[in-house]
Amino acid sequence: KKMVDIEDGLFREINKMAVAFKIGWLQLDCRRWIERKLLTVKSVEDRAYVFNESYYVLKRLGKNEYMEMFVNELGGSADSIMFISDYLDDFDNLETDILYPLLQLTGSNYEVIHDTLTKSVATNPGLGKNAMLVLQNVNMRCFQADWTAWSDLFYKISELPEITMPDMRIISKLQNMAWRQLAKSDD
C-alpha cells in the first residue's frame, strides 16, 4: 500500500487518521510526504506550510519527529532566519509552545532573539510571558556575541514600569550567569 501524492490541504486529515487508527504504512507515507516537502521548499509560503503542519502534529498529536526534521533541515540557514523574523513579528501574541521550535531554528543567530526581545520590551509596560520564556531558555553563549547590546536590554527591562520582583530576580540571575559565561570564555 502506498499513499498517492495528495494536496496540501488533505495532509493534516490523512495524518490525523493515520495516527488515530495506528495505520503504520500510512504514518510512514505521511513522514515521507513531509520529508519530500522539506526537500523541495522553494518559497516562504511552502516553508510556513511545512512549519505549521509540523507544529500542529507536535501540539495536537504529540509527535515531535516532523518538527525535528524541519529544524534539522532548515535550522540556522539564512532563509530560516528570515522566516523566523517574519514569524516573530507577532511575538507577544504567539502561543508559548511555538517558541521552543523557533528558538531551535535560530541556531547560533542570536541577533534575531535580541531584536525580538528589544521590540517586545519597547512596546510593553512589563515583561510578557513570551519574553520571559525566551530569556529563560536562550543559550547563554548568545551573550558573548554582543554583551553590550544584551546588557542594554537587561537595563531596559529593569526600567519597565510594570516589572515585577520575580521578573527582576530572573533578570539578575541571567545577568550573573552571563557574566560567569563571559568570564569562562576569557580564560
N, C-alpha and C. Protein backbone atom coordinates (compact mmCIF):
# COMPACT_ATOMS: atom_id res chain seq x y z
N LYS A 1 0.84 -1.18 0.00
CA LYS A 1 0.00 0.00 0.00
C LYS A 1 0.87 1.23 0.00
N LYS A 2 0.40 2.26 -0.68
CA LYS A 2 1.17 3.49 -0.76
C LYS A 2 0.21 4.66 -0.95
N MET A 3 0.53 5.74 -0.25
CA MET A 3 -0.27 6.95 -0.37
C MET A 3 0.13 7.66 -1.66
N VAL A 4 -0.86 8.05 -2.42
CA VAL A 4 -0.59 8.82 -3.63
C VAL A 4 -0.27 10.25 -3.23
N ASP A 5 0.31 11.00 -4.16
CA ASP A 5 0.61 12.40 -3.87
C ASP A 5 -0.72 13.12 -3.60
N ILE A 6 -0.78 13.82 -2.52
CA ILE A 6 -2.02 14.48 -2.11
C ILE A 6 -1.85 15.99 -2.10
N GLU A 7 -2.97 16.66 -2.08
CA GLU A 7 -2.95 18.12 -1.97
C GLU A 7 -2.57 18.49 -0.54
N ASP A 8 -1.95 19.65 -0.41
CA ASP A 8 -1.53 20.12 0.91
C ASP A 8 -2.69 20.13 1.91
N GLY A 9 -3.84 20.59 1.46
CA GLY A 9 -4.99 20.72 2.35
C GLY A 9 -5.49 19.41 2.93
N LEU A 10 -5.17 18.30 2.30
CA LEU A 10 -5.64 16.99 2.79
C LEU A 10 -4.66 16.32 3.74
N PHE A 11 -3.42 16.77 3.73
CA PHE A 11 -2.39 16.09 4.52
C PHE A 11 -2.75 15.99 5.99
N ARG A 12 -3.19 17.09 6.59
CA ARG A 12 -3.47 17.10 8.03
C ARG A 12 -4.50 16.03 8.40
N GLU A 13 -5.57 15.95 7.62
CA GLU A 13 -6.63 14.97 7.94
C GLU A 13 -6.14 13.54 7.75
N ILE A 14 -5.38 13.31 6.70
CA ILE A 14 -4.85 11.96 6.46
C ILE A 14 -3.89 11.58 7.57
N ASN A 15 -3.03 12.50 7.96
CA ASN A 15 -2.07 12.23 9.02
C ASN A 15 -2.78 11.97 10.35
N LYS A 16 -3.81 12.78 10.66
CA LYS A 16 -4.57 12.55 11.90
C LYS A 16 -5.19 11.16 11.90
N MET A 17 -5.73 10.76 10.76
CA MET A 17 -6.35 9.44 10.64
C MET A 17 -5.30 8.33 10.81
N ALA A 18 -4.13 8.51 10.21
CA ALA A 18 -3.06 7.51 10.31
C ALA A 18 -2.64 7.33 11.76
N VAL A 19 -2.54 8.43 12.51
CA VAL A 19 -2.13 8.36 13.91
C VAL A 19 -3.25 7.79 14.78
N ALA A 20 -4.47 8.29 14.58
CA ALA A 20 -5.61 7.86 15.42
C ALA A 20 -5.87 6.37 15.28
N PHE A 21 -5.80 5.87 14.06
CA PHE A 21 -6.10 4.45 13.82
C PHE A 21 -4.84 3.58 13.76
N LYS A 22 -3.70 4.19 14.05
CA LYS A 22 -2.42 3.48 14.11
C LYS A 22 -2.16 2.66 12.84
N ILE A 23 -2.28 3.34 11.71
CA ILE A 23 -2.04 2.71 10.41
C ILE A 23 -0.58 2.96 10.05
N GLY A 24 0.25 1.98 10.34
CA GLY A 24 1.69 2.12 10.20
C GLY A 24 2.16 2.54 8.83
N TRP A 25 1.67 1.88 7.78
CA TRP A 25 2.13 2.21 6.44
C TRP A 25 1.74 3.64 6.06
N LEU A 26 0.57 4.10 6.53
CA LEU A 26 0.13 5.45 6.21
C LEU A 26 0.93 6.49 7.00
N GLN A 27 1.26 6.16 8.25
CA GLN A 27 2.12 7.05 9.04
C GLN A 27 3.48 7.21 8.36
N LEU A 28 4.03 6.11 7.87
CA LEU A 28 5.31 6.15 7.18
C LEU A 28 5.22 6.98 5.90
N ASP A 29 4.13 6.82 5.16
CA ASP A 29 3.95 7.61 3.94
C ASP A 29 3.77 9.10 4.27
N CYS A 30 3.11 9.40 5.37
CA CYS A 30 2.96 10.80 5.78
C CYS A 30 4.34 11.39 6.12
N ARG A 31 5.15 10.61 6.78
CA ARG A 31 6.51 11.06 7.10
C ARG A 31 7.30 11.31 5.82
N ARG A 32 7.22 10.39 4.87
CA ARG A 32 7.92 10.56 3.59
C ARG A 32 7.41 11.80 2.85
N TRP A 33 6.09 12.04 2.94
CA TRP A 33 5.49 13.18 2.27
C TRP A 33 6.07 14.48 2.83
N ILE A 34 6.17 14.56 4.18
CA ILE A 34 6.75 15.75 4.83
C ILE A 34 8.23 15.89 4.44
N GLU A 35 8.96 14.78 4.42
CA GLU A 35 10.37 14.82 4.02
C GLU A 35 10.52 15.39 2.62
N ARG A 36 9.66 14.94 1.68
CA ARG A 36 9.71 15.46 0.31
C ARG A 36 9.40 16.96 0.29
N LYS A 37 8.42 17.35 1.08
CA LYS A 37 8.06 18.77 1.16
C LYS A 37 9.25 19.59 1.65
N LEU A 38 9.93 19.09 2.69
CA LEU A 38 11.09 19.80 3.23
C LEU A 38 12.20 19.96 2.20
N LEU A 39 12.41 18.92 1.43
CA LEU A 39 13.49 18.94 0.45
C LEU A 39 13.17 19.82 -0.76
N THR A 40 11.89 20.10 -0.96
CA THR A 40 11.51 20.89 -2.13
C THR A 40 10.96 22.28 -1.77
N VAL A 41 11.20 22.71 -0.54
CA VAL A 41 10.74 24.04 -0.12
C VAL A 41 11.38 25.09 -1.01
N LYS A 42 10.54 25.91 -1.64
CA LYS A 42 11.06 26.94 -2.54
C LYS A 42 10.61 28.33 -2.15
N SER A 43 9.54 28.43 -1.40
CA SER A 43 9.01 29.75 -1.08
C SER A 43 8.76 29.88 0.41
N VAL A 44 8.55 31.11 0.82
CA VAL A 44 8.22 31.38 2.22
C VAL A 44 6.91 30.70 2.58
N GLU A 45 5.97 30.67 1.64
CA GLU A 45 4.68 30.03 1.88
C GLU A 45 4.84 28.52 2.10
N ASP A 46 5.71 27.89 1.29
CA ASP A 46 5.98 26.45 1.46
C ASP A 46 6.59 26.18 2.83
N ARG A 47 7.56 27.01 3.21
CA ARG A 47 8.22 26.85 4.50
C ARG A 47 7.22 27.02 5.64
N ALA A 48 6.38 28.04 5.53
CA ALA A 48 5.36 28.29 6.57
C ALA A 48 4.39 27.12 6.65
N TYR A 49 4.01 26.57 5.49
CA TYR A 49 3.09 25.44 5.49
C TYR A 49 3.69 24.24 6.22
N VAL A 50 4.91 23.89 5.88
CA VAL A 50 5.56 22.72 6.50
C VAL A 50 5.77 22.97 7.99
N PHE A 51 6.17 24.19 8.35
CA PHE A 51 6.34 24.51 9.76
C PHE A 51 5.01 24.39 10.52
N ASN A 52 3.96 24.96 9.96
CA ASN A 52 2.66 24.92 10.63
C ASN A 52 2.14 23.50 10.76
N GLU A 53 2.33 22.68 9.74
CA GLU A 53 1.90 21.28 9.84
C GLU A 53 2.74 20.52 10.87
N SER A 54 4.03 20.80 10.89
CA SER A 54 4.91 20.15 11.88
C SER A 54 4.53 20.57 13.28
N TYR A 55 4.21 21.84 13.45
CA TYR A 55 3.79 22.34 14.76
C TYR A 55 2.45 21.74 15.17
N TYR A 56 1.53 21.63 14.22
CA TYR A 56 0.22 21.03 14.50
C TYR A 56 0.40 19.59 14.99
N VAL A 57 1.23 18.83 14.30
CA VAL A 57 1.47 17.44 14.68
C VAL A 57 2.10 17.37 16.08
N LEU A 58 3.00 18.28 16.36
CA LEU A 58 3.63 18.34 17.68
C LEU A 58 2.61 18.67 18.77
N LYS A 59 1.83 19.71 18.54
CA LYS A 59 0.91 20.19 19.57
C LYS A 59 -0.31 19.28 19.74
N ARG A 60 -0.91 18.88 18.64
CA ARG A 60 -2.18 18.14 18.73
C ARG A 60 -2.01 16.63 18.81
N LEU A 61 -0.97 16.12 18.16
CA LEU A 61 -0.79 14.67 18.12
C LEU A 61 0.37 14.20 19.00
N GLY A 62 1.12 15.15 19.54
CA GLY A 62 2.20 14.81 20.45
C GLY A 62 3.40 14.14 19.80
N LYS A 63 3.56 14.34 18.50
CA LYS A 63 4.68 13.73 17.78
C LYS A 63 5.66 14.82 17.37
N ASN A 64 6.91 14.69 17.80
CA ASN A 64 7.93 15.71 17.58
C ASN A 64 8.75 15.47 16.31
N GLU A 65 8.61 14.32 15.68
CA GLU A 65 9.52 13.97 14.59
C GLU A 65 9.46 14.93 13.39
N TYR A 66 8.30 15.45 13.03
CA TYR A 66 8.22 16.36 11.90
C TYR A 66 8.93 17.68 12.22
N MET A 67 8.74 18.17 13.45
CA MET A 67 9.40 19.41 13.84
C MET A 67 10.91 19.21 13.91
N GLU A 68 11.35 18.07 14.39
CA GLU A 68 12.78 17.78 14.41
C GLU A 68 13.35 17.76 12.99
N MET A 69 12.62 17.15 12.06
CA MET A 69 13.07 17.14 10.66
C MET A 69 13.15 18.57 10.12
N PHE A 70 12.14 19.37 10.44
CA PHE A 70 12.13 20.76 9.98
C PHE A 70 13.34 21.52 10.51
N VAL A 71 13.59 21.41 11.80
CA VAL A 71 14.72 22.11 12.43
C VAL A 71 16.04 21.62 11.85
N ASN A 72 16.19 20.31 11.70
CA ASN A 72 17.44 19.76 11.16
C ASN A 72 17.67 20.18 9.72
N GLU A 73 16.63 20.24 8.92
CA GLU A 73 16.77 20.57 7.51
C GLU A 73 16.96 22.07 7.27
N LEU A 74 16.23 22.90 8.01
CA LEU A 74 16.22 24.32 7.70
C LEU A 74 16.78 25.22 8.79
N GLY A 75 17.09 24.66 9.95
CA GLY A 75 17.56 25.47 11.07
C GLY A 75 18.89 26.15 10.80
N GLY A 76 19.00 27.41 11.24
CA GLY A 76 20.24 28.15 11.14
C GLY A 76 20.56 28.73 9.77
N SER A 77 19.80 28.37 8.74
CA SER A 77 20.08 28.90 7.41
C SER A 77 19.60 30.34 7.31
N ALA A 78 20.10 31.05 6.32
CA ALA A 78 19.69 32.45 6.11
C ALA A 78 18.19 32.52 5.85
N ASP A 79 17.68 31.55 5.09
CA ASP A 79 16.24 31.52 4.82
C ASP A 79 15.43 31.31 6.09
N SER A 80 15.94 30.47 6.99
CA SER A 80 15.19 30.22 8.22
C SER A 80 15.20 31.45 9.11
N ILE A 81 16.26 32.23 9.08
CA ILE A 81 16.33 33.44 9.89
C ILE A 81 15.28 34.44 9.41
N MET A 82 15.13 34.60 8.10
CA MET A 82 14.08 35.49 7.58
C MET A 82 12.70 34.96 7.95
N PHE A 83 12.53 33.67 7.84
CA PHE A 83 11.25 33.04 8.19
C PHE A 83 10.93 33.27 9.66
N ILE A 84 11.91 33.06 10.53
CA ILE A 84 11.72 33.24 11.97
C ILE A 84 11.39 34.71 12.27
N SER A 85 12.12 35.61 11.65
CA SER A 85 11.87 37.03 11.87
C SER A 85 10.44 37.40 11.52
N ASP A 86 9.97 36.89 10.38
CA ASP A 86 8.57 37.14 9.99
C ASP A 86 7.60 36.55 11.00
N TYR A 87 7.89 35.34 11.44
CA TYR A 87 7.02 34.65 12.39
C TYR A 87 6.98 35.39 13.72
N LEU A 88 8.12 35.94 14.12
CA LEU A 88 8.21 36.62 15.41
C LEU A 88 7.69 38.06 15.40
N ASP A 89 7.23 38.53 14.25
CA ASP A 89 6.64 39.88 14.20
C ASP A 89 5.52 40.04 15.21
N ASP A 90 4.80 38.97 15.47
CA ASP A 90 3.68 39.00 16.42
C ASP A 90 4.09 38.28 17.72
N PHE A 91 5.32 38.43 18.11
CA PHE A 91 5.93 37.70 19.23
C PHE A 91 5.08 37.67 20.50
N ASP A 92 4.59 38.82 20.92
CA ASP A 92 3.87 38.88 22.20
C ASP A 92 2.54 38.13 22.18
N ASN A 93 2.02 37.86 20.98
CA ASN A 93 0.73 37.16 20.88
C ASN A 93 0.86 35.70 20.47
N LEU A 94 2.07 35.22 20.26
CA LEU A 94 2.26 33.82 19.88
C LEU A 94 1.98 32.89 21.06
N GLU A 95 1.56 31.67 20.76
CA GLU A 95 1.45 30.65 21.81
C GLU A 95 2.87 30.35 22.30
N THR A 96 3.01 30.17 23.59
CA THR A 96 4.35 29.94 24.13
C THR A 96 4.96 28.64 23.60
N ASP A 97 4.14 27.64 23.34
CA ASP A 97 4.66 26.35 22.84
C ASP A 97 5.43 26.48 21.54
N ILE A 98 5.04 27.43 20.72
CA ILE A 98 5.67 27.56 19.41
C ILE A 98 7.06 28.19 19.51
N LEU A 99 7.36 28.80 20.65
CA LEU A 99 8.65 29.47 20.80
C LEU A 99 9.82 28.49 20.89
N TYR A 100 9.59 27.31 21.44
CA TYR A 100 10.68 26.32 21.55
C TYR A 100 11.25 25.94 20.18
N PRO A 101 10.40 25.54 19.22
CA PRO A 101 10.99 25.23 17.91
C PRO A 101 11.59 26.46 17.22
N LEU A 102 11.00 27.63 17.45
CA LEU A 102 11.56 28.84 16.85
C LEU A 102 12.94 29.13 17.42
N LEU A 103 13.12 28.91 18.72
CA LEU A 103 14.45 29.08 19.33
C LEU A 103 15.45 28.09 18.73
N GLN A 104 15.00 26.86 18.51
CA GLN A 104 15.89 25.87 17.90
C GLN A 104 16.29 26.30 16.49
N LEU A 105 15.34 26.86 15.76
CA LEU A 105 15.61 27.27 14.38
C LEU A 105 16.62 28.40 14.28
N THR A 106 16.71 29.23 15.30
CA THR A 106 17.64 30.36 15.23
C THR A 106 19.08 29.90 15.16
N GLY A 107 19.34 28.68 15.65
CA GLY A 107 20.71 28.20 15.63
C GLY A 107 21.58 29.12 16.46
N SER A 108 22.66 29.60 15.90
CA SER A 108 23.55 30.49 16.64
C SER A 108 23.31 31.96 16.29
N ASN A 109 22.22 32.25 15.58
CA ASN A 109 21.93 33.64 15.23
C ASN A 109 21.12 34.29 16.35
N TYR A 110 21.83 34.84 17.31
CA TYR A 110 21.18 35.40 18.49
C TYR A 110 20.66 36.81 18.25
N GLU A 111 21.03 37.40 17.12
CA GLU A 111 20.55 38.73 16.80
C GLU A 111 19.02 38.75 16.69
N VAL A 112 18.46 37.70 16.10
CA VAL A 112 17.00 37.61 15.94
C VAL A 112 16.33 37.62 17.31
N ILE A 113 16.88 36.86 18.24
CA ILE A 113 16.31 36.79 19.58
C ILE A 113 16.44 38.15 20.26
N HIS A 114 17.61 38.74 20.18
CA HIS A 114 17.84 40.05 20.81
C HIS A 114 16.88 41.09 20.23
N ASP A 115 16.78 41.15 18.91
CA ASP A 115 15.93 42.15 18.27
C ASP A 115 14.46 41.96 18.65
N THR A 116 14.03 40.71 18.71
CA THR A 116 12.65 40.41 19.09
C THR A 116 12.37 40.85 20.53
N LEU A 117 13.29 40.52 21.43
CA LEU A 117 13.11 40.91 22.83
C LEU A 117 13.15 42.44 22.99
N THR A 118 14.03 43.08 22.26
CA THR A 118 14.14 44.54 22.34
C THR A 118 12.83 45.19 21.90
N LYS A 119 12.26 44.68 20.82
CA LYS A 119 10.98 45.21 20.31
C LYS A 119 9.87 44.97 21.34
N SER A 120 9.85 43.80 21.94
CA SER A 120 8.83 43.47 22.93
C SER A 120 8.93 44.38 24.15
N VAL A 121 10.14 44.59 24.63
CA VAL A 121 10.36 45.44 25.80
C VAL A 121 9.97 46.89 25.49
N ALA A 122 10.24 47.33 24.27
CA ALA A 122 9.93 48.71 23.89
C ALA A 122 8.44 48.97 23.77
N THR A 123 7.66 47.92 23.54
CA THR A 123 6.22 48.12 23.29
C THR A 123 5.32 47.62 24.41
N ASN A 124 5.90 47.17 25.51
CA ASN A 124 5.10 46.65 26.62
C ASN A 124 5.52 47.31 27.94
N PRO A 125 4.56 47.49 28.85
CA PRO A 125 4.90 48.09 30.14
C PRO A 125 5.58 47.12 31.11
N GLY A 126 5.45 45.82 30.84
CA GLY A 126 6.06 44.81 31.69
C GLY A 126 6.70 43.73 30.83
N LEU A 127 7.28 42.77 31.48
CA LEU A 127 7.92 41.66 30.77
C LEU A 127 6.87 40.58 30.55
N GLY A 128 6.51 40.33 29.29
CA GLY A 128 5.47 39.36 28.96
C GLY A 128 5.93 37.92 29.14
N LYS A 129 4.97 37.02 29.10
CA LYS A 129 5.27 35.59 29.30
C LYS A 129 6.19 35.05 28.21
N ASN A 130 6.02 35.51 26.98
CA ASN A 130 6.88 35.03 25.90
C ASN A 130 8.32 35.53 26.05
N ALA A 131 8.45 36.79 26.44
CA ALA A 131 9.80 37.33 26.65
C ALA A 131 10.49 36.59 27.79
N MET A 132 9.75 36.32 28.84
CA MET A 132 10.33 35.59 29.98
C MET A 132 10.73 34.17 29.58
N LEU A 133 9.89 33.51 28.82
CA LEU A 133 10.21 32.15 28.38
C LEU A 133 11.47 32.14 27.53
N VAL A 134 11.59 33.08 26.62
CA VAL A 134 12.77 33.14 25.76
C VAL A 134 14.02 33.41 26.60
N LEU A 135 13.93 34.37 27.49
CA LEU A 135 15.09 34.68 28.34
C LEU A 135 15.52 33.49 29.18
N GLN A 136 14.56 32.71 29.66
CA GLN A 136 14.90 31.56 30.49
C GLN A 136 15.42 30.38 29.68
N ASN A 137 15.21 30.38 28.37
CA ASN A 137 15.61 29.23 27.56
C ASN A 137 16.69 29.53 26.52
N VAL A 138 17.14 30.78 26.47
CA VAL A 138 18.16 31.13 25.50
C VAL A 138 19.52 30.57 25.95
N ASN A 139 20.32 30.19 25.00
CA ASN A 139 21.65 29.68 25.29
C ASN A 139 22.52 30.84 25.77
N MET A 140 23.18 30.67 26.89
CA MET A 140 23.98 31.73 27.49
C MET A 140 25.10 32.22 26.58
N ARG A 141 25.52 31.41 25.62
CA ARG A 141 26.58 31.84 24.70
C ARG A 141 26.16 33.03 23.86
N CYS A 142 24.84 33.24 23.77
CA CYS A 142 24.38 34.38 22.96
C CYS A 142 24.88 35.70 23.53
N PHE A 143 25.11 35.75 24.82
CA PHE A 143 25.57 36.99 25.44
C PHE A 143 26.99 37.34 25.02
N GLN A 144 27.76 36.34 24.64
CA GLN A 144 29.14 36.57 24.20
C GLN A 144 29.19 37.35 22.90
N ALA A 145 28.18 37.13 22.06
CA ALA A 145 28.19 37.76 20.74
C ALA A 145 28.23 39.28 20.83
N ASP A 146 27.44 39.84 21.74
CA ASP A 146 27.42 41.30 21.89
C ASP A 146 26.93 41.63 23.30
N TRP A 147 27.85 41.53 24.25
CA TRP A 147 27.48 41.73 25.64
C TRP A 147 26.88 43.12 25.87
N THR A 148 27.38 44.13 25.19
CA THR A 148 26.89 45.49 25.39
C THR A 148 25.40 45.59 25.02
N ALA A 149 25.02 45.00 23.90
CA ALA A 149 23.62 45.04 23.48
C ALA A 149 22.72 44.32 24.48
N TRP A 150 23.18 43.15 24.96
CA TRP A 150 22.38 42.39 25.93
C TRP A 150 22.32 43.12 27.26
N SER A 151 23.41 43.71 27.67
CA SER A 151 23.43 44.47 28.92
C SER A 151 22.45 45.64 28.84
N ASP A 152 22.42 46.30 27.69
CA ASP A 152 21.48 47.40 27.46
C ASP A 152 20.03 46.89 27.53
N LEU A 153 19.79 45.73 26.96
CA LEU A 153 18.45 45.14 27.02
C LEU A 153 18.04 44.85 28.46
N PHE A 154 18.96 44.27 29.24
CA PHE A 154 18.65 44.00 30.65
C PHE A 154 18.34 45.29 31.40
N TYR A 155 19.07 46.34 31.08
CA TYR A 155 18.82 47.64 31.72
C TYR A 155 17.41 48.14 31.37
N LYS A 156 17.05 48.05 30.09
CA LYS A 156 15.71 48.49 29.65
C LYS A 156 14.62 47.67 30.34
N ILE A 157 14.86 46.39 30.51
CA ILE A 157 13.89 45.54 31.20
C ILE A 157 13.73 46.01 32.64
N SER A 158 14.84 46.32 33.29
CA SER A 158 14.77 46.74 34.69
C SER A 158 14.04 48.08 34.85
N GLU A 159 13.96 48.85 33.78
CA GLU A 159 13.30 50.16 33.82
C GLU A 159 11.82 50.09 33.42
N LEU A 160 11.32 48.91 33.08
CA LEU A 160 9.90 48.79 32.69
C LEU A 160 9.01 49.23 33.85
N PRO A 161 7.94 49.98 33.56
CA PRO A 161 7.09 50.48 34.64
C PRO A 161 6.35 49.39 35.41
N GLU A 162 6.06 48.27 34.76
CA GLU A 162 5.30 47.21 35.42
C GLU A 162 6.14 45.95 35.67
N ILE A 163 7.43 46.13 35.87
CA ILE A 163 8.30 44.99 36.14
C ILE A 163 8.02 44.47 37.54
N THR A 164 8.00 43.16 37.69
CA THR A 164 7.72 42.57 39.00
C THR A 164 9.02 42.14 39.67
N MET A 165 8.95 41.93 40.96
CA MET A 165 10.14 41.46 41.69
C MET A 165 10.59 40.08 41.19
N PRO A 166 9.66 39.12 40.96
CA PRO A 166 10.13 37.83 40.41
C PRO A 166 10.83 38.00 39.05
N ASP A 167 10.31 38.91 38.22
CA ASP A 167 10.96 39.17 36.93
C ASP A 167 12.37 39.72 37.15
N MET A 168 12.50 40.64 38.08
CA MET A 168 13.82 41.23 38.37
C MET A 168 14.80 40.19 38.91
N ARG A 169 14.31 39.27 39.73
CA ARG A 169 15.18 38.20 40.23
C ARG A 169 15.70 37.35 39.08
N ILE A 170 14.82 37.04 38.14
CA ILE A 170 15.23 36.22 36.99
C ILE A 170 16.24 36.98 36.13
N ILE A 171 15.98 38.26 35.90
CA ILE A 171 16.91 39.07 35.10
C ILE A 171 18.27 39.14 35.80
N SER A 172 18.25 39.34 37.10
CA SER A 172 19.50 39.40 37.86
C SER A 172 20.25 38.06 37.76
N LYS A 173 19.52 36.97 37.88
CA LYS A 173 20.13 35.64 37.76
C LYS A 173 20.74 35.46 36.37
N LEU A 174 20.00 35.88 35.33
CA LEU A 174 20.51 35.77 33.97
C LEU A 174 21.78 36.60 33.77
N GLN A 175 21.78 37.80 34.32
CA GLN A 175 22.98 38.64 34.20
C GLN A 175 24.17 37.98 34.88
N ASN A 176 23.95 37.42 36.05
CA ASN A 176 25.04 36.74 36.75
C ASN A 176 25.55 35.54 35.95
N MET A 177 24.62 34.76 35.40
CA MET A 177 25.02 33.61 34.59
C MET A 177 25.79 34.07 33.35
N ALA A 178 25.33 35.16 32.75
CA ALA A 178 26.00 35.68 31.56
C ALA A 178 27.41 36.15 31.91
N TRP A 179 27.55 36.83 33.05
CA TRP A 179 28.88 37.27 33.48
C TRP A 179 29.81 36.09 33.68
N ARG A 180 29.28 35.03 34.31
CA ARG A 180 30.12 33.84 34.52
C ARG A 180 30.52 33.21 33.19
N GLN A 181 29.58 33.17 32.25
CA GLN A 181 29.87 32.61 30.93
C GLN A 181 30.95 33.44 30.23
N LEU A 182 30.83 34.75 30.35
CA LEU A 182 31.84 35.63 29.74
C LEU A 182 33.20 35.44 30.40
N ALA A 183 33.22 35.30 31.72
CA ALA A 183 34.48 35.10 32.44
C ALA A 183 35.14 33.79 32.02
N LYS A 184 34.33 32.73 31.84
CA LYS A 184 34.89 31.45 31.39
C LYS A 184 35.50 31.58 30.00
N SER A 185 34.84 32.33 29.13
CA SER A 185 35.34 32.45 27.76
C SER A 185 36.62 33.28 27.71
N ASP A 186 36.82 34.16 28.67
CA ASP A 186 38.04 34.96 28.70
C ASP A 186 39.24 34.16 29.21
N ASP A 187 38.99 33.07 29.92
CA ASP A 187 40.09 32.26 30.48
C ASP A 187 40.84 31.50 29.40
